[in-house]
C-alpha atoms as a PDB file:
ATOM      1  CA  ARG A   1       2.553  -0.819 -47.695  1.00  0.00           C
ATOM      2  CA  HIS A   2       2.609   2.456 -45.846  1.00  0.00           C
ATOM      3  CA  LEU A   3       5.182   1.677 -43.415  1.00  0.00           C
ATOM      4  CA  GLY A   4       7.297  -0.490 -46.218  1.00  0.00           C
ATOM      5  CA  ASP A   5      10.727   0.338 -45.469  1.00  0.00           C
ATOM      6  CA  ARG A   6      10.888   3.435 -43.895  1.00  0.00           C
ATOM      7  CA  ASP A   7      12.727   4.256 -40.567  1.00  0.00           C
ATOM      8  CA  ILE A   8       9.799   4.919 -38.140  1.00  0.00           C
ATOM      9  CA  LEU A   9       8.978   4.750 -34.604  1.00  0.00           C
ATOM     10  CA  LEU A  10       5.535   3.554 -33.944  1.00  0.00           C
ATOM     11  CA  LEU A  11       3.560   4.174 -30.566  1.00  0.00           C
ATOM     12  CA  PHE A  12       1.334   1.665 -29.218  1.00  0.00           C
ATOM     13  CA  ASP A  13      -0.310   3.216 -25.686  1.00  0.00           C
ATOM     14  CA  ASN A  14      -1.885   1.778 -23.134  1.00  0.00           C
ATOM     15  CA  CYS A  15      -2.020  -2.116 -24.538  1.00  0.00           C
ATOM     16  CA  GLU A  16      -2.752  -4.146 -21.459  1.00  0.00           C
ATOM     17  CA  HIS A  17      -6.876  -4.584 -21.905  1.00  0.00           C
ATOM     18  CA  VAL A  18      -6.285  -5.383 -25.723  1.00  0.00           C
ATOM     19  CA  LEU A  19      -2.726  -7.300 -24.817  1.00  0.00           C
ATOM     20  CA  ASP A  20      -3.099 -10.253 -27.418  1.00  0.00           C
ATOM     21  CA  ALA A  21      -4.296  -8.364 -30.292  1.00  0.00           C
ATOM     22  CA  CYS A  22      -1.369  -5.553 -29.809  1.00  0.00           C
ATOM     23  CA  ALA A  23       1.155  -8.678 -29.457  1.00  0.00           C
ATOM     24  CA  ASP A  24      -0.049 -10.001 -32.899  1.00  0.00           C
ATOM     25  CA  LEU A  25       0.191  -6.667 -34.595  1.00  0.00           C
ATOM     26  CA  ALA A  26       3.483  -5.615 -33.628  1.00  0.00           C
ATOM     27  CA  THR A  27       4.581  -9.422 -34.598  1.00  0.00           C
ATOM     28  CA  GLU A  28       2.949  -8.972 -38.141  1.00  0.00           C
ATOM     29  CA  LEU A  29       4.510  -5.426 -38.497  1.00  0.00           C
ATOM     30  CA  LEU A  30       7.844  -5.899 -37.463  1.00  0.00           C
ATOM     31  CA  ARG A  31       8.227  -9.043 -39.477  1.00  0.00           C
ATOM     32  CA  ALA A  32       7.146  -6.948 -42.656  1.00  0.00           C
ATOM     33  CA  CYS A  33       9.032  -3.455 -41.942  1.00  0.00           C
ATOM     34  CA  THR A  34      12.174  -4.242 -41.166  1.00  0.00           C
ATOM     35  CA  ASN A  35      13.392  -0.453 -40.332  1.00  0.00           C
ATOM     36  CA  LEU A  36      10.146  -0.320 -38.152  1.00  0.00           C
ATOM     37  CA  ARG A  37      10.618   0.184 -34.401  1.00  0.00           C
ATOM     38  CA  ILE A  38       7.527  -0.245 -31.818  1.00  0.00           C
ATOM     39  CA  LEU A  39       7.478   1.701 -28.461  1.00  0.00           C
ATOM     40  CA  ALA A  40       4.336   0.142 -26.357  1.00  0.00           C
ATOM     41  CA  THR A  41       3.374   0.820 -22.898  1.00  0.00           C
ATOM     42  CA  SER A  42       1.375  -1.261 -21.012  1.00  0.00           C
ATOM     43  CA  ARG A  43       1.110  -2.415 -17.501  1.00  0.00           C
ATOM     44  CA  GLU A  44       2.529  -5.940 -18.639  1.00  0.00           C
ATOM     45  CA  PRO A  45       5.196  -7.163 -21.467  1.00  0.00           C
ATOM     46  CA  LEU A  46       3.444  -8.015 -24.570  1.00  0.00           C
ATOM     47  CA  GLY A  47       5.538 -11.105 -24.672  1.00  0.00           C
ATOM     48  CA  ILE A  48       7.045 -11.022 -28.485  1.00  0.00           C
ATOM     49  CA  MET A  49      10.321 -12.019 -29.882  1.00  0.00           C
ATOM     50  CA  SER A  50      12.946  -9.408 -29.239  1.00  0.00           C
ATOM     51  CA  GLU A  51      11.070  -7.460 -26.918  1.00  0.00           C
ATOM     52  CA  ARG A  52      12.921  -5.372 -24.612  1.00  0.00           C
ATOM     53  CA  VAL A  53      11.700  -4.269 -20.927  1.00  0.00           C
ATOM     54  CA  CYS A  54      12.043  -0.836 -19.448  1.00  0.00           C
ATOM     55  CA  ARG A  55      10.370  -0.927 -15.815  1.00  0.00           C
ATOM     56  CA  LEU A  56       8.898   2.070 -15.064  1.00  0.00           C
ATOM     57  CA  GLU A  57       9.609   2.782 -11.223  1.00  0.00           C
ATOM     58  CA  PRO A  58       8.218   5.530  -8.848  1.00  0.00           C
ATOM     59  CA  LEU A  59       9.689   9.048  -8.920  1.00  0.00           C
ATOM     60  CA  GLN A  60      12.382   9.804  -7.089  1.00  0.00           C
ATOM     61  CA  PRO A  61      11.755  11.913  -4.357  1.00  0.00           C
ATOM     62  CA  GLU A  62      13.041  15.489  -5.840  1.00  0.00           C
ATOM     63  CA  HIS A  63      11.152  14.765  -9.022  1.00  0.00           C
ATOM     64  CA  ALA A  64       8.035  13.872  -7.060  1.00  0.00           C
ATOM     65  CA  TYR A  65       8.452  17.291  -5.086  1.00  0.00           C
ATOM     66  CA  ARG A  66       9.213  19.114  -8.336  1.00  0.00           C
ATOM     67  CA  LEU A  67       5.636  17.484 -10.154  1.00  0.00           C
ATOM     68  CA  PHE A  68       3.486  18.410  -7.679  1.00  0.00           C
ATOM     69  CA  LEU A  69       4.524  22.090  -7.362  1.00  0.00           C
ATOM     70  CA  GLU A  70       4.378  22.107 -11.007  1.00  0.00           C
ATOM     71  CA  ARG A  71       0.622  21.028 -10.881  1.00  0.00           C
ATOM     72  CA  ALA A  72      -0.128  22.876  -8.184  1.00  0.00           C
ATOM     73  CA  ARG A  73       0.946  25.800  -9.597  1.00  0.00           C
ATOM     74  CA  GLU A  74      -1.546  25.036 -12.403  1.00  0.00           C
ATOM     75  CA  ARG A  75      -4.412  25.550  -9.550  1.00  0.00           C
ATOM     76  CA  ARG A  76      -2.518  28.389  -7.698  1.00  0.00           C
ATOM     77  CA  PRO A  77       0.066  30.118  -9.622  1.00  0.00           C
ATOM     78  CA  ASP A  78       1.065  31.994  -6.317  1.00  0.00           C
ATOM     79  CA  LEU A  79       1.926  29.046  -4.478  1.00  0.00           C
ATOM     80  CA  VAL A  80       5.806  29.579  -2.836  1.00  0.00           C
ATOM     81  CA  PRO A  81       6.521  26.901  -0.226  1.00  0.00           C
ATOM     82  CA  ASP A  82       7.942  28.034   2.852  1.00  0.00           C
ATOM     83  CA  GLY A  83      10.182  25.084   5.079  1.00  0.00           C
ATOM     84  CA  ASP A  84       6.883  23.575   6.780  1.00  0.00           C
ATOM     85  CA  THR A  85       4.943  23.103   3.456  1.00  0.00           C
ATOM     86  CA  GLU A  86       8.386  21.595   1.493  1.00  0.00           C
ATOM     87  CA  VAL A  87       8.048  19.374   4.340  1.00  0.00           C
ATOM     88  CA  ALA A  88       4.197  18.671   3.765  1.00  0.00           C
ATOM     89  CA  ILE A  89       4.768  18.029  -0.014  1.00  0.00           C
ATOM     90  CA  PHE A  90       7.460  15.420   0.482  1.00  0.00           C
ATOM     91  CA  ASN A  91       5.466  14.069   2.915  1.00  0.00           C
ATOM     92  CA  ILE A  92       2.563  14.164   0.442  1.00  0.00           C
ATOM     93  CA  CYS A  93       4.448  12.108  -2.275  1.00  0.00           C
ATOM     94  CA  ALA A  94       5.980   9.620   0.221  1.00  0.00           C
ATOM     95  CA  THR A  95       2.177   8.520   1.448  1.00  0.00           C
ATOM     96  CA  LEU A  96       1.405   8.392  -2.359  1.00  0.00           C
ATOM     97  CA  ASP A  97       4.431   6.283  -3.238  1.00  0.00           C
ATOM     98  CA  GLN A  98       5.928   8.902  -5.396  1.00  0.00           C
ATOM     99  CA  LEU A  99       3.413   7.573  -8.187  1.00  0.00           C
ATOM    100  CA  PRO A 100       2.590  10.508 -10.457  1.00  0.00           C
ATOM    101  CA  LEU A 101      -1.130   9.743 -10.830  1.00  0.00           C
ATOM    102  CA  GLY A 102      -1.612  10.047  -7.150  1.00  0.00           C
ATOM    103  CA  ILE A 103       0.577  13.280  -6.706  1.00  0.00           C
ATOM    104  CA  GLU A 104      -1.360  15.118  -9.746  1.00  0.00           C
ATOM    105  CA  LEU A 105      -4.946  14.044  -7.853  1.00  0.00           C
ATOM    106  CA  ALA A 106      -3.444  15.018  -4.797  1.00  0.00           C
ATOM    107  CA  ALA A 107      -1.865  18.532  -6.217  1.00  0.00           C
ATOM    108  CA  ALA A 108      -5.331  19.333  -7.979  1.00  0.00           C
ATOM    109  CA  ARG A 109      -6.524  20.214  -4.157  1.00  0.00           C
ATOM    110  CA  VAL A 110      -4.390  23.151  -3.677  1.00  0.00           C
ATOM    111  CA  SER A 111      -7.266  25.144  -4.681  1.00  0.00           C
ATOM    112  CA  ILE A 112      -9.367  24.251  -1.605  1.00  0.00           C
ATOM    113  CA  MET A 113      -6.762  23.345   0.907  1.00  0.00           C
ATOM    114  CA  SER A 114      -2.883  24.135   1.654  1.00  0.00           C
ATOM    115  CA  PRO A 115      -0.302  21.087   0.921  1.00  0.00           C
ATOM    116  CA  GLU A 116      -0.407  20.841   4.837  1.00  0.00           C
ATOM    117  CA  GLU A 117      -4.126  20.283   4.945  1.00  0.00           C
ATOM    118  CA  ILE A 118      -3.720  17.673   2.114  1.00  0.00           C
ATOM    119  CA  PHE A 119      -1.353  15.800   3.874  1.00  0.00           C
ATOM    120  CA  VAL A 120      -3.503  15.380   6.894  1.00  0.00           C
ATOM    121  CA  SER A 121      -6.426  14.092   4.655  1.00  0.00           C
ATOM    122  CA  LEU A 122      -4.735  11.434   2.726  1.00  0.00           C
ATOM    123  CA  GLU A 123      -4.377   8.698   5.383  1.00  0.00           C
ATOM    124  CA  ALA A 124      -8.292   8.252   5.263  1.00  0.00           C
ATOM    125  CA  HIS A 125      -8.743   9.545   2.001  1.00  0.00           C
ATOM    126  CA  VAL A 126      -6.399   8.324  -0.609  1.00  0.00           C
ATOM    127  CA  GLY A 127      -8.690   6.225  -2.369  1.00  0.00           C
ATOM    128  CA  GLU A 128     -11.403   8.804  -2.721  1.00  0.00           C
ATOM    129  CA  MET A 129      -9.298  11.466  -4.537  1.00  0.00           C
ATOM    130  CA  ARG A 130     -10.769  11.912  -7.961  1.00  0.00           C
ATOM    131  CA  TRP A 131      -9.660  13.759 -11.131  1.00  0.00           C
ATOM    132  CA  PRO A 132     -11.497  16.852 -11.876  1.00  0.00           C
ATOM    133  CA  ARG A 133     -10.740  17.130 -15.681  1.00  0.00           C
ATOM    134  CA  ARG A 134     -13.919  15.618 -17.491  1.00  0.00           C
ATOM    135  CA  HIS A 135     -11.873  13.750 -20.547  1.00  0.00           C
ATOM    136  CA  ALA A 136      -9.329  11.849 -18.271  1.00  0.00           C
ATOM    137  CA  PRO A 137      -9.883   8.087 -19.025  1.00  0.00           C
ATOM    138  CA  ALA A 138     -12.161   6.251 -16.185  1.00  0.00           C
ATOM    139  CA  HIS A 139      -9.003   4.532 -14.616  1.00  0.00           C
ATOM    140  CA  HIS A 140      -7.323   7.841 -14.746  1.00  0.00           C
ATOM    141  CA  ARG A 141      -9.350   9.501 -12.360  1.00  0.00           C
ATOM    142  CA  SER A 142      -8.703   8.150  -9.309  1.00  0.00           C
ATOM    143  CA  VAL A 143      -6.166   5.922  -7.055  1.00  0.00           C
ATOM    144  CA  ARG A 144      -8.293   3.361  -6.558  1.00  0.00           C
ATOM    145  CA  ALA A 145      -9.740   3.322 -10.344  1.00  0.00           C
ATOM    146  CA  ALA A 146      -6.252   2.878 -11.392  1.00  0.00           C
ATOM    147  CA  ILE A 147      -5.653  -0.256  -9.270  1.00  0.00           C
ATOM    148  CA  GLU A 148      -9.198  -1.641  -9.569  1.00  0.00           C
ATOM    149  CA  TRP A 149      -8.182  -1.412 -13.542  1.00  0.00           C
ATOM    150  CA  SER A 150      -4.995  -3.746 -12.931  1.00  0.00           C
ATOM    151  CA  TYR A 151      -6.809  -5.574 -10.866  1.00  0.00           C
ATOM    152  CA  ASN A 152      -9.617  -6.837 -13.060  1.00  0.00           C
ATOM    153  CA  LEU A 153      -7.138  -7.697 -15.585  1.00  0.00           C
ATOM    154  CA  LEU A 154      -5.746 -10.507 -13.641  1.00  0.00           C
ATOM    155  CA  ASP A 155      -7.477 -14.073 -13.973  1.00  0.00           C
ATOM    156  CA  PRO A 156      -9.177 -15.661 -10.893  1.00  0.00           C
ATOM    157  CA  VAL A 157      -6.201 -17.303  -9.493  1.00  0.00           C
ATOM    158  CA  GLU A 158      -3.932 -13.627  -9.558  1.00  0.00           C
ATOM    159  CA  GLN A 159      -6.660 -11.932  -8.096  1.00  0.00           C
ATOM    160  CA  THR A 160      -7.094 -14.722  -4.969  1.00  0.00           C
ATOM    161  CA  SER A 161      -2.947 -14.944  -4.621  1.00  0.00           C
ATOM    162  CA  PHE A 162      -2.943 -10.576  -4.917  1.00  0.00           C
ATOM    163  CA  ARG A 163      -5.499 -10.650  -2.332  1.00  0.00           C
ATOM    164  CA  SER A 164      -3.774 -12.363  -0.097  1.00  0.00           C
ATOM    165  CA  LEU A 165      -0.555 -10.826  -0.250  1.00  0.00           C
ATOM    166  CA  GLY A 166      -2.242  -7.473   1.373  1.00  0.00           C
ATOM    167  CA  VAL A 167      -1.284  -9.542   4.759  1.00  0.00           C
ATOM    168  CA  PHE A 168       2.420  -8.115   4.279  1.00  0.00           C
ATOM    169  CA  VAL A 169       2.851  -5.206   5.612  1.00  0.00           C
ATOM    170  CA  GLY A 170       6.812  -4.966   4.790  1.00  0.00           C
ATOM    171  CA  GLY A 171       8.393  -7.142   1.992  1.00  0.00           C
ATOM    172  CA  PHE A 172       8.098 -10.694   1.713  1.00  0.00           C
ATOM    173  CA  ASP A 173       9.984 -13.497  -0.269  1.00  0.00           C
ATOM    174  CA  ALA A 174       8.948 -16.233  -2.878  1.00  0.00           C
ATOM    175  CA  ASP A 175       8.461 -18.947  -0.007  1.00  0.00           C
ATOM    176  CA  ALA A 176       6.067 -16.231   2.286  1.00  0.00           C
ATOM    177  CA  ALA A 177       4.087 -15.544  -0.822  1.00  0.00           C
ATOM    178  CA  CYS A 178       3.723 -19.269  -1.681  1.00  0.00           C
ATOM    179  CA  GLY A 179       2.870 -20.227   1.846  1.00  0.00           C
ATOM    180  CA  VAL A 180       0.386 -17.595   2.797  1.00  0.00           C
ATOM    181  CA  ALA A 181      -1.710 -16.916  -0.525  1.00  0.00           C
ATOM    182  CA  PRO A 182      -3.536 -19.808  -2.171  1.00  0.00           C
ATOM    183  CA  GLY A 183      -2.738 -20.544  -5.684  1.00  0.00           C
ATOM    184  CA  MET A 184       0.339 -18.576  -5.440  1.00  0.00           C
ATOM    185  CA  SER A 185       3.272 -20.243  -7.408  1.00  0.00           C
ATOM    186  CA  LEU A 186       6.391 -18.932  -9.066  1.00  0.00           C
ATOM    187  CA  GLU A 187       4.879 -18.296 -12.183  1.00  0.00           C
ATOM    188  CA  VAL A 188       1.947 -16.218 -10.364  1.00  0.00           C
ATOM    189  CA  LEU A 189       4.293 -14.361  -8.973  1.00  0.00           C
ATOM    190  CA  ALA A 190       6.023 -13.769 -11.976  1.00  0.00           C
ATOM    191  CA  GLN A 191       2.662 -12.710 -13.514  1.00  0.00           C
ATOM    192  CA  LEU A 192       1.791 -10.032 -10.739  1.00  0.00           C
ATOM    193  CA  VAL A 193       5.341  -8.518 -11.251  1.00  0.00           C
ATOM    194  CA  ASP A 194       4.630  -8.101 -14.931  1.00  0.00           C
ATOM    195  CA  LYS A 195       1.391  -6.671 -14.423  1.00  0.00           C
ATOM    196  CA  SER A 196       3.351  -4.081 -11.798  1.00  0.00           C
ATOM    197  CA  LEU A 197       1.408  -5.152  -8.954  1.00  0.00           C
ATOM    198  CA  VAL A 198       4.252  -6.532  -7.304  1.00  0.00           C
ATOM    199  CA  ALA A 199       7.350  -4.777  -7.015  1.00  0.00           C
ATOM    200  CA  VAL A 200      11.009  -6.402  -6.813  1.00  0.00           C
ATOM    201  CA  VAL A 201      12.869  -5.075  -4.106  1.00  0.00           C
ATOM    202  CA  PRO A 202      16.519  -3.954  -5.177  1.00  0.00           C
ATOM    203  CA  ALA A 203      19.051  -5.414  -2.259  1.00  0.00           C
ATOM    204  CA  ARG A 204      21.873  -7.242  -2.475  1.00  0.00           C
ATOM    205  CA  GLN A 205      21.203 -10.182  -0.442  1.00  0.00           C
ATOM    206  CA  PRO A 206      21.049 -14.021  -1.270  1.00  0.00           C
ATOM    207  CA  ARG A 207      16.895 -14.325  -1.244  1.00  0.00           C
ATOM    208  CA  THR A 208      14.936 -11.981  -3.712  1.00  0.00           C
ATOM    209  CA  ARG A 209      12.693  -9.883  -1.895  1.00  0.00           C
ATOM    210  CA  TYR A 210       9.509  -8.453  -3.039  1.00  0.00           C
ATOM    211  CA  ARG A 211       6.535  -6.147  -2.004  1.00  0.00           C
ATOM    212  CA  LEU A 212       3.148  -4.094  -2.656  1.00  0.00           C
ATOM    213  CA  LEU A 213       3.169  -0.556  -2.614  1.00  0.00           C
ATOM    214  CA  GLU A 214       1.072   1.295   0.098  1.00  0.00           C
ATOM    215  CA  THR A 215      -1.533   2.150  -1.984  1.00  0.00           C
ATOM    216  CA  VAL A 216      -1.459  -1.352  -3.770  1.00  0.00           C
ATOM    217  CA  ARG A 217      -1.222  -3.107  -0.467  1.00  0.00           C
ATOM    218  CA  GLU A 218      -4.531  -1.288   0.999  1.00  0.00           C
ATOM    219  CA  TYR A 219      -5.796  -2.283  -2.164  1.00  0.00           C
ATOM    220  CA  ALA A 220      -5.502  -5.804  -1.860  1.00  0.00           C
ATOM    221  CA  TRP A 221      -6.235  -5.632   2.054  1.00  0.00           C
ATOM    222  CA  GLU A 222      -9.348  -3.868   1.032  1.00  0.00           C
ATOM    223  CA  ARG A 223     -10.804  -6.651  -1.507  1.00  0.00           C
ATOM    224  CA  LEU A 224      -9.403  -9.445   1.007  1.00  0.00           C
ATOM    225  CA  THR A 225     -11.373  -8.201   3.853  1.00  0.00           C
ATOM    226  CA  ALA A 226     -14.322  -7.701   1.230  1.00  0.00           C
ATOM    227  CA  ALA A 227     -14.018 -11.483   0.198  1.00  0.00           C
ATOM    228  CA  GLY A 228     -13.932 -12.346   3.882  1.00  0.00           C
ATOM    229  CA  GLU A 229     -10.835 -14.158   3.520  1.00  0.00           C
ATOM    230  CA  GLU A 230      -9.148 -11.856   6.075  1.00  0.00           C
ATOM    231  CA  ALA A 231      -8.787 -14.204   8.930  1.00  0.00           C
ATOM    232  CA  ALA A 232      -7.590 -17.421   6.982  1.00  0.00           C
ATOM    233  CA  ALA A 233      -4.803 -15.049   5.653  1.00  0.00           C
ATOM    234  CA  ARG A 234      -3.771 -13.875   8.880  1.00  0.00           C
ATOM    235  CA  ALA A 235      -3.872 -17.393  10.398  1.00  0.00           C
ATOM    236  CA  ARG A 236      -1.468 -18.756   6.941  1.00  0.00           C
ATOM    237  CA  HIS A 237       0.733 -15.728   7.988  1.00  0.00           C
ATOM    238  CA  LEU A 238       1.019 -16.580  11.522  1.00  0.00           C
ATOM    239  CA  GLN A 239       1.796 -20.498  10.774  1.00  0.00           C
ATOM    240  CA  HIS A 240       4.324 -19.649   8.130  1.00  0.00           C
ATOM    241  CA  PHE A 241       6.523 -17.194  10.338  1.00  0.00           C
ATOM    242  CA  SER A 242       5.752 -19.243  13.193  1.00  0.00           C
ATOM    243  CA  THR A 243       6.952 -22.577  11.946  1.00  0.00           C
END
């Protein structure tokens, strides 16, 4: 009744954990309010009629660098990078797959470490970086927590398939994914893409290729190892590429 025929943009933020409810509400509102537009942020589409998906990719290197510098200067306003520091910042951003959350977490460390030291520490401690602000949502307080949040929203078949993809250090095609990951199918692969855990590699080639961002792959490998499935996954990987 309030929206009626008014020309309004309505924001639904973080829909992934209440996806069905958001989809139902959006459908009802759009049917009743002819001039309404809805912008929904989510790790996967709502799956309703007339939905247009705009997938956000990782930042471009120069934008990632700028984000790091902006956040770092919130901690150290006097930070003026020299040549070596600039290289370290670009390396930090690349190690973090140019993802904003990881970059912001790393930048927060400049109050205790130089960018060069942050880069050296990242290889062993990417998942341990935590958000220092008390009121950040729980799944935004570390890189690992953000990935785990998405993993926990998967059904058991999707979780098993996702874990096995951790054996692919580089990219893979659909045949390789189905040959290596138990329960994997084109439908499951599509779901993992829709849920932002598998990325489509843009390339001009006959077969579409996919990949896990390195931070995501490390988490998948961790879960694969914890589940005791590492040896079996390696064996399937070897068999697929040797036959």
